[in-house]
Amino acid sequence: MKGYLEEKAWVSCTLDSFGTPRQLQKRVPGNVYHKSTTNLMLVKQDTAVIQQFTCNSPMKTFFGALAKALVVAAFVVSGPVGWLIVGAIAVAVLAATVYVASHMCNSGLEGKLWLNYKENVKYNGGEGVFYLHSTIICANKGTLVASESFEAANALSNKMALRNWGQNATKFAVKAFSSFITCTTLGPAAGTIDLGLDLGKDYVVDKVDNKSLTAANNLNLLKTPGLSNSAYKAMSEAPLLSGRLIADAVKGTTADVASFIRVARVAPRLSFGLIKPGLLSAAKGVGKGVGIGAVTWAIEYAGERAENKIASYNEADIKMLDKINKAAKTIVAIKE
């Protein structure tokens, strides 16, 4: 049977990292209560949770970045002291990621509405919403659905969290393999630039897709207990690393080209004779870089496809629950 949602109902999220269902709370005032539990009835605007989920979206980003950072470190850092530093930074970044991930929900749900609400049933300032049928899509693209008992919500949350860790493991393995190929063939400097570009891309995508969350998440990151200033500075500057390297390279190349043009005007044959070996070497380097880039792109693209496939099972579970309960009789158990 399918009932209308009430306050403190248990809800599961497709992006939950730890399989822990949360309880809903009202956003808008009301005076209509559930007949037996005396909880306030929820409407389509009531999208807040009492305790935040730990979102898997930033967790997945962390594991991808950690994989590449560890591979680059393996090529650059030697000795126990170096690995100790890398480990300490990894722990600090993980702590920050978990802290930020667990402070995203209500900011991500702000302004969102329940989907599949009952248009002709209104109370408490809005339309009624259902267990197992109504859903919320948060700013991180997670889908939330409420179950009629804690046990049912817990079973669903555990199943979805297990799949999310499957995505994290896939992300880690694919990114590590991709970075290993880059560092082995092009060197650790290229691996560092690749890591910086990856972090920069994730930052830009997050900013475009998730404008409402960026400021709040950055503020939460600054408040992370035990996160050192140096670790935060390293994390905040990582996306800019590749930009600085590229800018310096472009600046230097532009100056070299200008100097060469001035010399070539005076002695063109001698100038081109001198640079011919360099041009051939550069062409080979560019060709190698493009080839390796294409290989790593294909590997990471295949990894993303695999992650999306795993994620689709969580969405399929929610659709199946809705299909099972769609024909059920709706229970109306409210009082004013």
Protein backbone atom coordinates (compact mmCIF):
# COMPACT_ATOMS: atom_id res chain seq x y z
CA MET A 1 0.00 0.00 0.00
CA LYS A 2 1.11 3.52 -0.73
CA GLY A 3 0.73 6.27 1.86
CA TYR A 4 1.38 9.98 2.01
CA LEU A 5 4.73 11.12 3.38
CA GLU A 6 5.04 12.42 6.92
CA GLU A 7 7.80 14.10 8.89
CA LYS A 8 10.57 11.75 10.14
CA ALA A 9 9.97 9.33 7.26
CA TRP A 10 13.11 7.40 6.27
CA VAL A 11 14.64 8.34 2.93
CA SER A 12 17.40 6.73 0.83
CA CYS A 13 19.67 8.41 -1.73
CA THR A 14 21.30 6.91 -4.83
CA LEU A 15 24.54 8.81 -3.99
CA ASP A 16 24.77 7.71 -0.34
CA SER A 17 28.31 6.49 0.45
CA PHE A 18 27.67 4.64 3.70
CA GLY A 19 24.19 3.09 3.40
CA THR A 20 22.60 5.20 6.12
CA PRO A 21 18.99 6.29 5.50
CA ARG A 22 18.04 9.71 6.87
CA GLN A 23 14.81 11.22 8.17
CA LEU A 24 12.85 14.00 6.49
CA GLN A 25 11.82 17.24 8.13
CA LYS A 26 9.43 20.02 7.13
CA ARG A 27 10.59 23.18 5.42
CA VAL A 28 7.20 24.94 5.35
CA PRO A 29 4.81 25.39 8.32
CA GLY A 30 1.65 23.28 8.64
CA ASN A 31 -1.05 22.04 10.98
CA VAL A 32 -2.11 18.75 9.39
CA TYR A 33 -0.80 15.63 11.13
CA HIS A 34 -0.68 11.90 10.47
CA LYS A 35 -3.59 10.26 12.30
CA SER A 36 -1.60 7.54 14.11
CA THR A 37 1.93 8.94 14.49
CA THR A 38 0.95 12.64 14.98
CA ASN A 39 3.83 13.64 12.71
CA LEU A 40 3.27 16.63 10.42
CA MET A 41 2.36 15.64 6.86
CA LEU A 42 4.90 16.59 4.18
CA VAL A 43 4.24 18.40 0.91
CA LYS A 44 6.19 18.87 -2.30
CA GLN A 45 8.27 21.76 -0.84
CA ASP A 46 9.45 19.70 2.17
CA THR A 47 12.78 18.43 0.88
CA ALA A 48 15.04 18.84 3.93
CA VAL A 49 16.69 16.00 5.85
CA ILE A 50 17.41 16.05 9.60
CA GLN A 51 20.90 14.59 9.21
CA GLN A 52 23.00 14.88 6.07
CA PHE A 53 23.98 11.95 3.84
CA THR A 54 27.65 11.42 2.99
CA CYS A 55 27.52 12.16 -0.73
CA ASN A 56 29.46 9.86 -3.05
CA SER A 57 29.95 12.54 -5.72
CA PRO A 58 32.97 14.21 -4.04
CA MET A 59 34.10 10.85 -2.66
CA LYS A 60 34.45 9.51 -6.19
CA THR A 61 36.40 12.61 -7.24
CA PHE A 62 38.72 12.09 -4.25
CA PHE A 63 39.52 8.48 -5.15
CA GLY A 64 40.26 9.43 -8.75
CA ALA A 65 42.63 12.21 -7.68
CA LEU A 66 44.24 10.03 -4.99
CA ALA A 67 44.97 7.28 -7.52
CA LYS A 68 46.79 9.66 -9.87
CA ALA A 69 48.60 11.41 -7.01
CA LEU A 70 49.92 8.11 -5.62
CA VAL A 71 51.17 6.99 -9.03
CA VAL A 72 52.94 10.32 -9.63
CA ALA A 73 54.39 10.14 -6.10
CA ALA A 74 55.72 6.65 -6.81
CA PHE A 75 57.75 8.10 -9.71
CA VAL A 76 58.85 11.29 -7.92
CA VAL A 77 59.06 10.67 -4.17
CA SER A 78 61.53 8.16 -2.80
CA GLY A 79 62.23 6.99 0.74
CA PRO A 80 60.00 6.51 3.78
CA VAL A 81 59.91 10.22 4.66
CA GLY A 82 58.50 11.14 1.26
CA TRP A 83 55.83 8.46 1.46
CA LEU A 84 54.97 9.57 5.00
CA ILE A 85 54.31 13.10 3.71
CA VAL A 86 52.19 11.77 0.84
CA GLY A 87 50.21 9.58 3.26
CA ALA A 88 49.61 12.47 5.67
CA ILE A 89 48.29 14.70 2.88
CA ALA A 90 46.09 11.86 1.57
CA VAL A 91 44.55 11.38 5.03
CA ALA A 92 43.96 15.13 5.40
CA VAL A 93 42.34 15.36 1.97
CA LEU A 94 40.16 12.31 2.70
CA ALA A 95 39.04 13.88 5.99
CA ALA A 96 38.16 17.08 4.16
CA THR A 97 36.31 15.17 1.46
CA VAL A 98 34.19 13.24 3.96
CA TYR A 99 33.49 16.42 5.93
CA VAL A 100 32.40 18.35 2.84
CA ALA A 101 30.46 15.38 1.48
CA SER A 102 28.43 15.17 4.68
CA HIS A 103 27.46 18.86 4.62
CA MET A 104 25.97 19.09 1.14
CA CYS A 105 22.45 17.73 1.30
CA ASN A 106 20.22 20.54 2.50
CA SER A 107 22.07 23.14 0.43
CA GLY A 108 21.71 20.78 -2.56
CA LEU A 109 18.02 20.26 -1.81
CA GLU A 110 17.27 23.96 -1.27
CA GLY A 111 14.67 25.08 -3.79
CA LYS A 112 14.06 21.53 -5.05
CA LEU A 113 10.57 20.00 -5.10
CA TRP A 114 9.29 16.45 -4.80
CA LEU A 115 8.37 14.95 -8.17
CA ASN A 116 5.23 12.83 -8.72
CA TYR A 117 3.18 14.61 -6.08
CA LYS A 118 -0.63 14.40 -5.80
CA GLU A 119 -2.02 17.53 -7.46
CA ASN A 120 -5.56 17.33 -6.05
CA VAL A 121 -4.55 16.56 -2.45
CA LYS A 122 -3.42 19.73 -0.66
CA TYR A 123 -2.58 20.46 2.98
CA ASN A 124 0.16 22.22 4.96
CA GLY A 125 0.78 24.70 2.15
CA GLY A 126 1.29 22.31 -0.74
CA GLU A 127 0.47 19.07 -2.54
CA GLY A 128 0.85 15.68 -0.86
CA VAL A 129 3.75 13.36 -1.72
CA PHE A 130 4.01 9.57 -1.59
CA TYR A 131 6.23 6.86 -0.18
CA LEU A 132 8.12 4.91 -2.90
CA HIS A 133 6.57 6.95 -5.71
CA SER A 134 7.56 10.58 -5.17
CA THR A 135 11.27 11.41 -5.62
CA ILE A 136 13.65 14.37 -5.29
CA ILE A 137 16.59 15.06 -7.62
CA CYS A 138 19.26 16.98 -5.68
CA ALA A 139 21.81 19.41 -7.11
CA ASN A 140 24.40 16.60 -7.25
CA LYS A 141 21.98 14.52 -9.36
CA GLY A 142 21.23 12.07 -6.56
CA THR A 143 17.69 10.67 -6.39
CA LEU A 144 15.98 10.46 -3.00
CA VAL A 145 13.02 8.18 -2.25
CA ALA A 146 11.23 7.42 1.04
CA SER A 147 10.40 3.92 2.30
CA GLU A 148 7.57 3.04 4.69
CA SER A 149 9.89 1.63 7.36
CA PHE A 150 13.47 2.01 8.55
CA GLU A 151 14.19 -1.62 7.70
CA ALA A 152 13.12 -1.19 4.07
CA ALA A 153 15.02 2.10 3.73
CA ASN A 154 18.13 0.58 5.32
CA ALA A 155 18.12 -2.41 2.97
CA LEU A 156 17.77 -0.12 -0.07
CA SER A 157 20.47 2.29 1.20
CA ASN A 158 22.95 -0.52 1.85
CA LYS A 159 22.44 -1.96 -1.61
CA MET A 160 22.97 1.42 -3.29
CA ALA A 161 26.01 2.32 -1.13
CA LEU A 162 27.69 -0.97 -2.06
CA ARG A 163 27.29 -0.09 -5.73
CA ASN A 164 28.67 3.41 -5.09
CA TRP A 165 31.82 1.89 -3.60
CA GLY A 166 32.00 -0.22 -6.72
CA GLN A 167 32.10 3.06 -8.65
CA ASN A 168 34.83 4.40 -6.34
CA ALA A 169 36.93 1.27 -6.83
CA THR A 170 36.47 1.48 -10.60
CA LYS A 171 37.45 5.16 -10.57
CA PHE A 172 40.58 4.46 -8.51
CA ALA A 173 41.72 1.54 -10.67
CA VAL A 174 41.12 3.29 -14.00
CA LYS A 175 42.75 6.58 -12.95
CA ALA A 176 45.77 4.75 -11.48
CA PHE A 177 46.25 2.73 -14.68
CA SER A 178 45.87 5.82 -16.86
CA SER A 179 48.38 7.78 -14.76
CA PHE A 180 50.84 4.87 -14.77
CA ILE A 181 50.80 4.85 -18.59
CA THR A 182 51.33 8.63 -18.69
CA CYS A 183 54.19 8.61 -16.18
CA THR A 184 55.88 5.58 -17.76
CA THR A 185 55.81 6.92 -21.31
CA LEU A 186 55.93 10.70 -20.89
CA GLY A 187 57.45 11.10 -17.42
CA PRO A 188 56.19 12.21 -13.99
CA ALA A 189 56.03 15.87 -15.07
CA ALA A 190 53.36 14.94 -17.61
CA GLY A 191 51.62 12.90 -14.92
CA THR A 192 51.59 15.96 -12.64
CA ILE A 193 50.10 18.14 -15.38
CA ASP A 194 47.52 15.43 -16.08
CA LEU A 195 46.56 15.38 -12.38
CA GLY A 196 46.25 19.18 -12.33
CA LEU A 197 44.08 19.17 -15.45
CA ASP A 198 41.88 16.45 -13.93
CA LEU A 199 41.33 18.44 -10.74
CA GLY A 200 40.74 21.61 -12.73
CA LYS A 201 38.15 19.88 -14.89
CA ASP A 202 36.32 18.53 -11.83
CA TYR A 203 36.35 22.01 -10.27
CA VAL A 204 34.94 23.65 -13.39
CA VAL A 205 32.26 20.98 -13.89
CA ASP A 206 31.24 21.31 -10.25
CA LYS A 207 31.07 25.10 -10.57
CA VAL A 208 28.93 24.96 -13.73
CA ASP A 209 26.60 22.16 -12.60
CA ASN A 210 26.44 23.11 -8.96
CA LYS A 211 26.71 26.87 -8.47
CA SER A 212 24.56 26.86 -5.34
CA LEU A 213 26.83 24.38 -3.55
CA THR A 214 30.31 25.69 -4.36
CA ALA A 215 30.46 28.51 -1.79
CA ALA A 216 28.92 26.40 0.98
CA ASN A 217 31.28 23.49 0.31
CA ASN A 218 34.34 25.73 0.29
CA LEU A 219 33.23 27.20 3.63
CA ASN A 220 32.76 23.70 5.09
CA LEU A 221 36.20 22.73 3.82
CA LEU A 222 37.77 25.64 5.68
CA LYS A 223 36.02 24.45 8.87
CA THR A 224 37.27 20.86 8.56
CA PRO A 225 38.64 19.72 11.95
CA GLY A 226 42.36 18.89 11.85
CA LEU A 227 42.90 20.03 8.27
CA SER A 228 46.23 21.85 8.19
CA ASN A 229 46.67 25.12 6.34
CA SER A 230 49.36 23.58 4.16
CA ALA A 231 47.12 20.68 3.12
CA TYR A 232 44.24 23.03 2.33
CA LYS A 233 46.58 25.32 0.39
CA ALA A 234 47.90 22.35 -1.59
CA MET A 235 44.37 21.20 -2.42
CA SER A 236 43.14 24.66 -3.36
CA GLU A 237 46.13 25.33 -5.60
CA ALA A 238 46.22 21.92 -7.31
CA PRO A 239 43.77 22.85 -10.10
CA LEU A 240 45.91 25.91 -10.91
CA LEU A 241 49.18 23.96 -11.19
CA SER A 242 48.74 22.85 -14.78
CA GLY A 243 47.51 26.33 -15.75
CA ARG A 244 50.69 27.92 -14.42
CA LEU A 245 52.91 25.37 -16.14
CA ILE A 246 51.11 25.83 -19.46
CA ALA A 247 51.18 29.63 -19.16
CA ASP A 248 54.92 29.59 -18.48
CA ALA A 249 55.49 27.27 -21.43
CA VAL A 250 53.44 29.48 -23.77
CA LYS A 251 55.23 32.61 -22.55
CA GLY A 252 58.65 31.06 -23.09
CA THR A 253 57.70 29.61 -26.48
CA THR A 254 56.36 32.97 -27.66
CA ALA A 255 59.64 34.70 -26.73
CA ASP A 256 61.70 31.98 -28.47
CA VAL A 257 59.61 32.20 -31.64
CA ALA A 258 60.01 35.99 -31.76
CA SER A 259 63.81 35.67 -31.40
CA PHE A 260 63.96 33.00 -34.09
CA ILE A 261 61.99 35.14 -36.56
CA ARG A 262 64.42 38.03 -36.09
CA VAL A 263 67.41 35.76 -36.78
CA ALA A 264 65.70 33.96 -39.67
CA ARG A 265 65.17 37.22 -41.51
CA VAL A 266 68.96 37.71 -41.61
CA ALA A 267 70.07 34.10 -42.28
CA PRO A 268 67.06 31.96 -43.27
CA ARG A 269 68.91 28.89 -44.64
CA LEU A 270 71.25 28.61 -41.68
CA SER A 271 68.40 29.14 -39.22
CA PHE A 272 66.20 26.39 -40.66
CA GLY A 273 69.19 24.06 -40.94
CA LEU A 274 69.87 24.48 -37.24
CA ILE A 275 66.32 23.92 -36.11
CA LYS A 276 65.51 20.99 -38.42
CA PRO A 277 66.64 18.30 -35.92
CA GLY A 278 64.71 20.06 -33.19
CA LEU A 279 61.58 20.23 -35.34
CA LEU A 280 61.78 16.52 -36.07
CA SER A 281 62.26 15.75 -32.38
CA ALA A 282 59.36 18.03 -31.45
CA ALA A 283 57.12 16.41 -34.05
CA LYS A 284 57.94 12.98 -32.67
CA GLY A 285 57.26 14.22 -29.13
CA VAL A 286 53.93 15.75 -30.14
CA GLY A 287 52.96 12.58 -31.97
CA LYS A 288 53.87 10.47 -28.94
CA GLY A 289 51.98 12.79 -26.62
CA VAL A 290 48.87 12.73 -28.79
CA GLY A 291 49.02 8.95 -29.05
CA ILE A 292 49.40 8.42 -25.31
CA GLY A 293 46.72 11.05 -24.66
CA ALA A 294 44.31 9.19 -26.94
CA VAL A 295 45.03 5.89 -25.18
CA THR A 296 44.53 7.31 -21.67
CA TRP A 297 41.40 9.17 -22.77
CA ALA A 298 39.94 5.92 -24.13
CA ILE A 299 40.79 4.12 -20.87
CA GLU A 300 39.19 6.82 -18.71
CA TYR A 301 36.16 7.07 -20.99
CA ALA A 302 35.62 3.32 -20.69
CA GLY A 303 35.96 3.69 -16.92
CA GLU A 304 33.29 6.42 -16.84
CA ARG A 305 30.98 4.23 -18.89
CA ALA A 306 31.48 1.41 -16.37
CA GLU A 307 30.78 3.80 -13.45
CA ASN A 308 27.61 5.09 -15.13
CA LYS A 309 26.47 1.52 -15.72
CA ILE A 310 26.86 0.73 -12.00
CA ALA A 311 25.05 3.97 -11.08
CA SER A 312 22.16 3.08 -13.37
CA TYR A 313 21.33 0.06 -11.19
CA ASN A 314 20.49 2.37 -8.28
CA GLU A 315 18.09 4.37 -10.44
CA ALA A 316 16.61 1.12 -11.75
CA ASP A 317 15.90 -0.03 -8.19
CA ILE A 318 13.90 3.13 -7.49
CA LYS A 319 11.93 2.75 -10.73
CA MET A 320 11.17 -0.86 -9.85
CA LEU A 321 9.88 0.15 -6.40
CA ASP A 322 7.67 2.75 -8.04
CA LYS A 323 6.37 0.21 -10.56
CA ILE A 324 5.53 -2.27 -7.80
CA ASN A 325 3.72 0.33 -5.71
CA LYS A 326 2.02 2.32 -8.49
CA ALA A 327 -1.09 0.17 -8.48
CA ALA A 328 -1.31 0.02 -4.71
CA LYS A 329 -4.21 1.64 -2.89
CA THR A 330 -3.34 5.01 -1.37
CA ILE A 331 -3.83 5.31 2.38
CA VAL A 332 -5.27 8.62 3.57
CA ALA A 333 -4.58 8.85 7.30
CA ILE A 334 -4.45 12.51 8.21
CA LYS A 335 -6.01 14.79 10.78
CA GLU A 336 -6.03 18.55 11.38
